[in-house]
Amino acid sequence: MAKQRRMATKAAKAASKVLGDGRTSQVSKTAAGSALSQSAPNRTGGKKR
């Protein structure tokens, strides 16, 4: 499970870089956006109830 989570984090970081880069194509940005929307939410911070 831990290895899977690390890979998901790496994929999310790579997708974020693609979205931030102005030189990438629209197809690449669409794929990166899809990957980010499917990734697990960041659970750091916030109040615990």
PDB file of N, CA and C in Angstrom:
ATOM      1  N   MET A   1       0.819  -1.192   0.000  1.00  0.00           N
ATOM      2  CA  MET A   1       0.000   0.000   0.000  1.00  0.00           C
ATOM      3  C   MET A   1       0.866   1.260   0.000  1.00  0.00           C
ATOM      4  N   ALA A   2       1.958   1.264   0.761  1.00  0.00           N
ATOM      5  CA  ALA A   2       2.809   2.442   0.847  1.00  0.00           C
ATOM      6  C   ALA A   2       3.445   2.753  -0.501  1.00  0.00           C
ATOM      7  N   LYS A   3       3.869   1.721  -1.226  1.00  0.00           N
ATOM      8  CA  LYS A   3       4.478   1.955  -2.523  1.00  0.00           C
ATOM      9  C   LYS A   3       3.458   2.557  -3.492  1.00  0.00           C
ATOM     10  N   GLN A   4       2.225   2.087  -3.418  1.00  0.00           N
ATOM     11  CA  GLN A   4       1.172   2.612  -4.285  1.00  0.00           C
ATOM     12  C   GLN A   4       0.916   4.086  -3.978  1.00  0.00           C
ATOM     13  N   ARG A   5       0.934   4.442  -2.720  1.00  0.00           N
ATOM     14  CA  ARG A   5       0.706   5.835  -2.329  1.00  0.00           C
ATOM     15  C   ARG A   5       1.847   6.724  -2.832  1.00  0.00           C
ATOM     16  N   ARG A   6       3.096   6.226  -2.748  1.00  0.00           N
ATOM     17  CA  ARG A   6       4.235   7.000  -3.246  1.00  0.00           C
ATOM     18  C   ARG A   6       4.112   7.235  -4.746  1.00  0.00           C
ATOM     19  N   MET A   7       3.701   6.215  -5.476  1.00  0.00           N
ATOM     20  CA  MET A   7       3.562   6.366  -6.921  1.00  0.00           C
ATOM     21  C   MET A   7       2.455   7.350  -7.259  1.00  0.00           C
ATOM     22  N   ALA A   8       1.374   7.328  -6.487  1.00  0.00           N
ATOM     23  CA  ALA A   8       0.284   8.275  -6.713  1.00  0.00           C
ATOM     24  C   ALA A   8       0.764   9.699  -6.450  1.00  0.00           C
ATOM     25  N   THR A   9       1.582   9.871  -5.432  1.00  0.00           N
ATOM     26  CA  THR A   9       2.124  11.193  -5.122  1.00  0.00           C
ATOM     27  C   THR A   9       3.033  11.677  -6.236  1.00  0.00           C
ATOM     28  N   LYS A  10       3.887  10.785  -6.740  1.00  0.00           N
ATOM     29  CA  LYS A  10       4.778  11.156  -7.842  1.00  0.00           C
ATOM     30  C   LYS A  10       3.981  11.524  -9.088  1.00  0.00           C
ATOM     31  N   ALA A  11       2.937  10.762  -9.369  1.00  0.00           N
ATOM     32  CA  ALA A  11       2.104  11.036 -10.541  1.00  0.00           C
ATOM     33  C   ALA A  11       1.407  12.382 -10.388  1.00  0.00           C
ATOM     34  N   ALA A  12       0.927  12.681  -9.194  1.00  0.00           N
ATOM     35  CA  ALA A  12       0.252  13.956  -8.954  1.00  0.00           C
ATOM     36  C   ALA A  12       1.219  15.125  -9.108  1.00  0.00           C
ATOM     37  N   LYS A  13       2.434  14.965  -8.631  1.00  0.00           N
ATOM     38  CA  LYS A  13       3.431  16.031  -8.773  1.00  0.00           C
ATOM     39  C   LYS A  13       3.775  16.259 -10.240  1.00  0.00           C
ATOM     40  N   ALA A  14       3.924  15.159 -10.999  1.00  0.00           N
ATOM     41  CA  ALA A  14       4.230  15.274 -12.424  1.00  0.00           C
ATOM     42  C   ALA A  14       3.077  15.951 -13.162  1.00  0.00           C
ATOM     43  N   ALA A  15       1.853  15.595 -12.821  1.00  0.00           N
ATOM     44  CA  ALA A  15       0.687  16.198 -13.462  1.00  0.00           C
ATOM     45  C   ALA A  15       0.608  17.688 -13.141  1.00  0.00           C
ATOM     46  N   SER A  16       0.940  18.038 -11.922  1.00  0.00           N
ATOM     47  CA  SER A  16       0.926  19.437 -11.528  1.00  0.00           C
ATOM     48  C   SER A  16       1.945  20.249 -12.322  1.00  0.00           C
ATOM     49  N   LYS A  17       3.112  19.665 -12.553  1.00  0.00           N
ATOM     50  CA  LYS A  17       4.138  20.346 -13.352  1.00  0.00           C
ATOM     51  C   LYS A  17       3.674  20.552 -14.783  1.00  0.00           C
ATOM     52  N   VAL A  18       2.987  19.548 -15.341  1.00  0.00           N
ATOM     53  CA  VAL A  18       2.482  19.663 -16.714  1.00  0.00           C
ATOM     54  C   VAL A  18       1.472  20.804 -16.801  1.00  0.00           C
ATOM     55  N   LEU A  19       0.579  20.886 -15.820  1.00  0.00           N
ATOM     56  CA  LEU A  19      -0.430  21.943 -15.845  1.00  0.00           C
ATOM     57  C   LEU A  19       0.182  23.325 -15.681  1.00  0.00           C
ATOM     58  N   GLY A  20       1.258  23.422 -14.936  1.00  0.00           N
ATOM     59  CA  GLY A  20       1.890  24.709 -14.709  1.00  0.00           C
ATOM     60  C   GLY A  20       2.788  25.174 -15.841  1.00  0.00           C
ATOM     61  N   ASP A  21       3.172  24.250 -16.708  1.00  0.00           N
ATOM     62  CA  ASP A  21       4.072  24.576 -17.810  1.00  0.00           C
ATOM     63  C   ASP A  21       3.267  25.114 -18.983  1.00  0.00           C
ATOM     64  N   GLY A  22       3.614  26.288 -19.453  1.00  0.00           N
ATOM     65  CA  GLY A  22       2.885  26.899 -20.562  1.00  0.00           C
ATOM     66  C   GLY A  22       3.203  26.295 -21.915  1.00  0.00           C
ATOM     67  N   ARG A  23       4.211  25.438 -21.978  1.00  0.00           N
ATOM     68  CA  ARG A  23       4.634  24.889 -23.275  1.00  0.00           C
ATOM     69  C   ARG A  23       3.970  23.563 -23.623  1.00  0.00           C
ATOM     70  N   THR A  24       3.183  22.993 -22.723  1.00  0.00           N
ATOM     71  CA  THR A  24       2.582  21.690 -22.972  1.00  0.00           C
ATOM     72  C   THR A  24       1.291  21.839 -23.773  1.00  0.00           C
ATOM     73  N   SER A  25       0.936  20.779 -24.481  1.00  0.00           N
ATOM     74  CA  SER A  25      -0.248  20.814 -25.334  1.00  0.00           C
ATOM     75  C   SER A  25      -1.528  20.695 -24.515  1.00  0.00           C
ATOM     76  N   GLN A  26      -2.638  21.016 -25.158  1.00  0.00           N
ATOM     77  CA  GLN A  26      -3.929  20.922 -24.488  1.00  0.00           C
ATOM     78  C   GLN A  26      -4.256  19.476 -24.123  1.00  0.00           C
ATOM     79  N   VAL A  27      -3.847  18.534 -24.978  1.00  0.00           N
ATOM     80  CA  VAL A  27      -4.089  17.119 -24.703  1.00  0.00           C
ATOM     81  C   VAL A  27      -3.345  16.695 -23.445  1.00  0.00           C
ATOM     82  N   SER A  28      -2.093  17.144 -23.307  1.00  0.00           N
ATOM     83  CA  SER A  28      -1.310  16.821 -22.112  1.00  0.00           C
ATOM     84  C   SER A  28      -1.948  17.407 -20.865  1.00  0.00           C
ATOM     85  N   LYS A  29      -2.434  18.634 -20.976  1.00  0.00           N
ATOM     86  CA  LYS A  29      -3.054  19.275 -19.822  1.00  0.00           C
ATOM     87  C   LYS A  29      -4.365  18.585 -19.446  1.00  0.00           C
ATOM     88  N   THR A  30      -5.101  18.121 -20.435  1.00  0.00           N
ATOM     89  CA  THR A  30      -6.338  17.401 -20.147  1.00  0.00           C
ATOM     90  C   THR A  30      -6.038  16.100 -19.409  1.00  0.00           C
ATOM     91  N   ALA A  31      -5.025  15.380 -19.872  1.00  0.00           N
ATOM     92  CA  ALA A  31      -4.644  14.127 -19.219  1.00  0.00           C
ATOM     93  C   ALA A  31      -4.140  14.381 -17.803  1.00  0.00           C
ATOM     94  N   ALA A  32      -3.361  15.433 -17.618  1.00  0.00           N
ATOM     95  CA  ALA A  32      -2.839  15.759 -16.291  1.00  0.00           C
ATOM     96  C   ALA A  32      -3.971  16.150 -15.346  1.00  0.00           C
ATOM     97  N   GLY A  33      -4.921  16.907 -15.837  1.00  0.00           N
ATOM     98  CA  GLY A  33      -6.067  17.294 -15.017  1.00  0.00           C
ATOM     99  C   GLY A  33      -6.886  16.087 -14.605  1.00  0.00           C
ATOM    100  N   SER A  34      -7.027  15.143 -15.520  1.00  0.00           N
ATOM    101  CA  SER A  34      -7.750  13.916 -15.210  1.00  0.00           C
ATOM    102  C   SER A  34      -7.019  13.113 -14.133  1.00  0.00           C
ATOM    103  N   ALA A  35      -5.712  13.033 -14.256  1.00  0.00           N
ATOM    104  CA  ALA A  35      -4.919  12.298 -13.271  1.00  0.00           C
ATOM    105  C   ALA A  35      -5.021  12.943 -11.890  1.00  0.00           C
ATOM    106  N   LEU A  36      -4.987  14.259 -11.853  1.00  0.00           N
ATOM    107  CA  LEU A  36      -5.090  14.949 -10.563  1.00  0.00           C
ATOM    108  C   LEU A  36      -6.474  14.791  -9.948  1.00  0.00           C
ATOM    109  N   SER A  37      -7.496  14.780 -10.773  1.00  0.00           N
ATOM    110  CA  SER A  37      -8.844  14.655 -10.225  1.00  0.00           C
ATOM    111  C   SER A  37      -9.093  13.257  -9.668  1.00  0.00           C
ATOM    112  N   GLN A  38      -8.342  12.275 -10.131  1.00  0.00           N
ATOM    113  CA  GLN A  38      -8.500  10.909  -9.645  1.00  0.00           C
ATOM    114  C   GLN A  38      -7.589  10.597  -8.467  1.00  0.00           C
ATOM    115  N   SER A  39      -6.650  11.484  -8.167  1.00  0.00           N
ATOM    116  CA  SER A  39      -5.723  11.217  -7.069  1.00  0.00           C
ATOM    117  C   SER A  39      -6.412  11.442  -5.739  1.00  0.00           C
ATOM    118  N   ALA A  40      -5.851  10.862  -4.693  1.00  0.00           N
ATOM    119  CA  ALA A  40      -6.416  10.993  -3.351  1.00  0.00           C
ATOM    120  C   ALA A  40      -6.232  12.423  -2.863  1.00  0.00           C
ATOM    121  N   PRO A  41      -7.178  12.926  -2.096  1.00  0.00           N
ATOM    122  CA  PRO A  41      -7.039  14.290  -1.576  1.00  0.00           C
ATOM    123  C   PRO A  41      -5.898  14.386  -0.570  1.00  0.00           C
ATOM    124  N   ASN A  42      -5.310  15.553  -0.492  1.00  0.00           N
ATOM    125  CA  ASN A  42      -4.239  15.804   0.465  1.00  0.00           C
ATOM    126  C   ASN A  42      -4.854  15.919   1.850  1.00  0.00           C
ATOM    127  N   ARG A  43      -4.427  15.108   2.784  1.00  0.00           N
ATOM    128  CA  ARG A  43      -5.054  15.049   4.100  1.00  0.00           C
ATOM    129  C   ARG A  43      -4.241  15.764   5.171  1.00  0.00           C
ATOM    130  N   THR A  44      -3.380  16.677   4.805  1.00  0.00           N
ATOM    131  CA  THR A  44      -2.578  17.382   5.807  1.00  0.00           C
ATOM    132  C   THR A  44      -3.320  18.618   6.298  1.00  0.00           C
ATOM    133  N   GLY A  45      -3.132  18.932   7.551  1.00  0.00           N
ATOM    134  CA  GLY A  45      -3.705  20.145   8.130  1.00  0.00           C
ATOM    135  C   GLY A  45      -5.192  20.026   8.375  1.00  0.00           C
ATOM    136  N   GLY A  46      -5.772  21.131   8.762  1.00  0.00           N
ATOM    137  CA  GLY A  46      -7.206  21.169   9.001  1.00  0.00           C
ATOM    138  C   GLY A  46      -7.580  20.714  10.404  1.00  0.00           C
ATOM    139  N   LYS A  47      -8.804  20.974  10.754  1.00  0.00           N
ATOM    140  CA  LYS A  47      -9.292  20.572  12.079  1.00  0.00           C
ATOM    141  C   LYS A  47      -9.714  19.122  12.073  1.00  0.00           C
ATOM    142  N   LYS A  48      -9.485  18.485  13.205  1.00  0.00           N
ATOM    143  CA  LYS A  48      -9.995  17.122  13.397  1.00  0.00           C
ATOM    144  C   LYS A  48     -11.239  17.228  14.251  1.00  0.00           C
ATOM    145  N   ARG A  49     -12.260  16.550  13.861  1.00  0.00           N
ATOM    146  CA  ARG A  49     -13.525  16.622  14.603  1.00  0.00           C
ATOM    147  C   ARG A  49     -13.672  15.473  15.524  1.00  0.00           C
TER     148      ARG A  49
END
